[in-house]
Amino acid sequence: MAAALPIAVGAAGAACSSGPTDPVATRTVTETVDSSVASSTTSAPGDSGIVWPAKRGELACRNGQSEGSDVCVLKGQKISGDVEFTRFRVVKLIDSQMSGTVRITGVKEAVVTGTQIDGDLAVSSDGGAVVKTSRVGGSLAISGGQHATVVKNAVGGDLTCDVRRADGVGNSVGGQTTGACSRLRR
């Protein structure tokens, strides 16, 4: 059995300091994580702690949401490292930049438009998924949904759609296209 490690995930905000008596506000959140899965974590930029990809997604979505909201809309955001969106009914990534792999799972609807993802993009949806005018450095995989719309994307790796129906045009794919997306190449 693996030992649990306490990990501090902090966000520090400091006012401009003009002298030693100026206060500095610091907020630290402490979690306990299982060290047996520590290899699947990524470090947050400028933070000495480890931020799990699912936690990074939750924190990014928290801005502008009301308590208990199950809709995540990120517009014009930059996120470093891998990120997962797992607890939302709807996830929309609009005109954003992600430096790692993006996983969107367990959603009813996913929309990714005008977004650059340096790694892979994996979407698992009960309903539908739309990916358009986006750049995916790795592979794009859409699964579980009724319908996928894939329009004018640049995909560096494979394009795979394990859905009932897929529509789209103008996709540039560096690897193989399989499943319902097999005919969606340029």
Protein backbone atom coordinates (compact mmCIF):
# COMPACT_ATOMS: atom_id res chain seq x y z
CA MET A 1 0.00 0.00 0.00
CA ALA A 2 1.38 3.36 -1.00
CA ALA A 3 1.93 6.08 1.55
CA ALA A 4 -0.07 9.27 1.25
CA LEU A 5 1.87 12.46 0.76
CA PRO A 6 0.62 15.85 1.88
CA ILE A 7 0.88 18.27 -1.01
CA ALA A 8 0.38 22.01 -0.68
CA VAL A 9 -1.25 23.69 -3.62
CA GLY A 10 -1.01 27.40 -3.07
CA ALA A 11 -1.98 30.63 -4.64
CA ALA A 12 -0.20 33.64 -3.25
CA GLY A 13 -1.15 37.21 -3.92
CA ALA A 14 1.02 40.05 -2.74
CA ALA A 15 0.43 43.76 -2.83
CA CYS A 16 3.31 45.84 -4.13
CA SER A 17 5.64 46.11 -1.21
CA SER A 18 7.18 49.47 -0.42
CA GLY A 19 8.56 48.46 2.94
CA PRO A 20 8.94 45.68 5.45
CA THR A 21 5.66 46.55 7.23
CA ASP A 22 3.38 46.01 4.20
CA PRO A 23 1.20 42.90 4.62
CA VAL A 24 1.37 39.98 2.22
CA ALA A 25 -1.80 37.92 1.73
CA THR A 26 -1.28 34.18 1.24
CA ARG A 27 -3.83 31.42 0.79
CA THR A 28 -2.73 27.78 0.91
CA VAL A 29 -4.87 24.73 0.27
CA THR A 30 -3.51 21.41 1.53
CA GLU A 31 -4.56 18.05 0.06
CA THR A 32 -3.47 14.50 0.65
CA VAL A 33 -2.62 12.57 -2.49
CA ASP A 34 -1.67 8.96 -3.04
CA SER A 35 2.02 8.70 -3.95
CA SER A 36 1.35 5.62 -6.12
CA VAL A 37 -0.21 7.90 -8.75
CA ALA A 38 2.16 10.83 -8.36
CA SER A 39 3.72 10.10 -11.76
CA SER A 40 0.51 11.22 -13.48
CA THR A 41 0.70 14.73 -12.06
CA THR A 42 2.14 17.87 -13.52
CA SER A 43 3.67 20.87 -11.84
CA ALA A 44 1.98 24.20 -12.08
CA PRO A 45 4.13 27.03 -13.41
CA GLY A 46 5.55 29.18 -10.64
CA ASP A 47 4.24 26.82 -7.96
CA SER A 48 6.35 24.40 -5.95
CA GLY A 49 3.36 22.08 -5.39
CA ILE A 50 1.80 19.54 -7.68
CA VAL A 51 -1.49 20.30 -9.38
CA TRP A 52 -3.42 17.30 -10.66
CA PRO A 53 -4.81 17.70 -14.21
CA ALA A 54 -8.42 17.32 -12.94
CA LYS A 55 -7.80 19.94 -10.25
CA ARG A 56 -6.27 22.29 -12.84
CA GLY A 57 -9.47 21.99 -14.92
CA GLU A 58 -11.68 22.60 -11.90
CA LEU A 59 -9.68 25.67 -10.86
CA ALA A 60 -9.72 27.12 -14.39
CA CYS A 61 -13.50 26.69 -14.58
CA ARG A 62 -14.16 28.16 -11.16
CA ASN A 63 -13.65 31.76 -12.36
CA GLY A 64 -16.98 33.31 -13.26
CA GLN A 65 -19.08 30.34 -12.11
CA SER A 66 -21.75 30.34 -9.51
CA GLU A 67 -21.45 27.78 -6.72
CA GLY A 68 -22.52 24.34 -7.88
CA SER A 69 -22.51 25.22 -11.58
CA ASP A 70 -22.01 22.24 -13.88
CA VAL A 71 -21.15 24.37 -16.92
CA CYS A 72 -17.55 25.36 -17.69
CA VAL A 73 -16.85 28.01 -20.32
CA LEU A 74 -13.25 29.09 -20.84
CA LYS A 75 -12.71 31.91 -23.31
CA GLY A 76 -9.28 33.30 -24.16
CA GLN A 77 -7.54 31.29 -21.41
CA LYS A 78 -3.97 29.93 -21.33
CA ILE A 79 -3.37 26.75 -19.33
CA SER A 80 0.04 25.13 -18.94
CA GLY A 81 0.34 21.36 -18.58
CA ASP A 82 -2.21 18.59 -18.90
CA VAL A 83 -5.80 19.41 -17.94
CA GLU A 84 -8.94 17.33 -17.36
CA PHE A 85 -12.56 18.41 -17.21
CA THR A 86 -14.49 15.67 -15.43
CA ARG A 87 -17.26 17.04 -13.22
CA PHE A 88 -19.12 19.23 -15.69
CA ARG A 89 -22.24 18.64 -17.79
CA VAL A 90 -21.09 21.13 -20.45
CA VAL A 91 -17.52 22.17 -21.30
CA LYS A 92 -16.71 24.92 -23.83
CA LEU A 93 -13.14 25.90 -24.70
CA ILE A 94 -13.15 29.00 -26.90
CA ASP A 95 -10.10 30.81 -28.33
CA SER A 96 -7.84 29.30 -25.66
CA GLN A 97 -4.34 27.78 -25.52
CA MET A 98 -3.44 24.55 -23.72
CA SER A 99 0.19 23.44 -23.60
CA GLY A 100 -0.51 19.80 -22.68
CA THR A 101 -3.06 17.07 -23.24
CA VAL A 102 -6.75 17.90 -22.71
CA ARG A 103 -9.30 15.31 -21.53
CA ILE A 104 -13.01 16.09 -21.37
CA THR A 105 -14.95 13.16 -19.89
CA GLY A 106 -18.46 12.42 -18.69
CA VAL A 107 -20.04 15.49 -20.28
CA LYS A 108 -23.34 15.89 -22.11
CA GLU A 109 -21.91 18.46 -24.51
CA ALA A 110 -18.37 19.55 -25.41
CA VAL A 111 -17.42 22.45 -27.68
CA VAL A 112 -13.83 23.28 -28.62
CA THR A 113 -13.48 26.17 -31.05
CA GLY A 114 -10.55 28.35 -32.08
CA THR A 115 -8.37 26.62 -29.49
CA GLN A 116 -4.76 25.46 -29.69
CA ILE A 117 -3.89 22.25 -27.85
CA ASP A 118 -0.24 21.20 -28.01
CA GLY A 119 -0.91 17.60 -26.90
CA ASP A 120 -3.83 15.23 -27.50
CA LEU A 121 -7.51 16.08 -27.21
CA ALA A 122 -9.81 13.31 -25.92
CA VAL A 123 -13.55 13.95 -25.59
CA SER A 124 -15.97 11.43 -24.08
CA SER A 125 -19.53 12.73 -24.31
CA ASP A 126 -23.03 11.33 -23.76
CA GLY A 127 -24.56 13.74 -26.25
CA GLY A 128 -22.51 15.64 -28.78
CA ALA A 129 -19.09 17.10 -29.40
CA VAL A 130 -18.09 19.97 -31.65
CA VAL A 131 -14.45 20.65 -32.52
CA LYS A 132 -13.91 23.41 -35.06
CA THR A 133 -11.19 25.76 -36.28
CA SER A 134 -8.80 24.36 -33.67
CA ARG A 135 -5.22 23.12 -33.75
CA VAL A 136 -4.40 19.83 -32.00
CA GLY A 137 -0.69 18.95 -31.95
CA GLY A 138 -1.34 15.29 -31.11
CA SER A 139 -4.34 13.06 -31.75
CA LEU A 140 -8.03 13.94 -31.56
CA ALA A 141 -10.37 11.23 -30.21
CA ILE A 142 -14.12 11.66 -29.74
CA SER A 143 -16.09 8.82 -28.15
CA GLY A 144 -19.35 7.82 -26.53
CA GLY A 145 -21.56 10.45 -28.05
CA GLN A 146 -24.43 10.43 -30.44
CA HIS A 147 -22.87 12.95 -32.79
CA ALA A 148 -19.55 14.67 -33.55
CA THR A 149 -19.01 17.77 -35.67
CA VAL A 150 -15.40 18.24 -36.76
CA VAL A 151 -14.79 21.30 -38.98
CA LYS A 152 -11.61 22.98 -40.28
CA ASN A 153 -9.16 21.59 -37.72
CA ALA A 154 -5.44 20.89 -38.00
CA VAL A 155 -4.70 17.58 -36.25
CA GLY A 156 -1.06 16.50 -36.01
CA GLY A 157 -1.83 12.87 -35.14
CA ASP A 158 -4.79 10.56 -35.65
CA LEU A 159 -8.47 11.54 -35.83
CA THR A 160 -10.72 8.90 -34.25
CA CYS A 161 -14.48 9.12 -33.75
CA ASP A 162 -16.24 6.33 -31.87
CA VAL A 163 -19.71 7.92 -32.17
CA ARG A 164 -22.89 7.07 -34.08
CA ARG A 165 -22.60 9.89 -36.60
CA ALA A 166 -19.96 12.45 -37.57
CA ASP A 167 -20.10 15.46 -39.87
CA GLY A 168 -17.53 18.00 -40.95
CA VAL A 169 -15.25 19.35 -43.66
CA GLY A 170 -11.83 20.90 -44.16
CA ASN A 171 -9.81 18.92 -41.62
CA SER A 172 -6.07 18.46 -42.05
CA VAL A 173 -4.98 15.21 -40.36
CA GLY A 174 -1.35 14.09 -40.04
CA GLY A 175 -2.19 10.50 -39.05
CA GLN A 176 -5.02 8.04 -39.66
CA THR A 177 -8.74 8.82 -39.63
CA THR A 178 -10.93 6.06 -38.22
CA GLY A 179 -14.47 5.37 -37.08
CA ALA A 180 -17.27 7.74 -38.03
CA CYS A 181 -14.64 10.43 -38.83
CA SER A 182 -12.90 8.32 -41.50
CA ARG A 183 -14.35 10.45 -44.30
CA LEU A 184 -13.73 13.87 -42.70
CA ARG A 185 -10.32 14.57 -44.19
CA ARG A 186 -9.76 17.54 -46.43
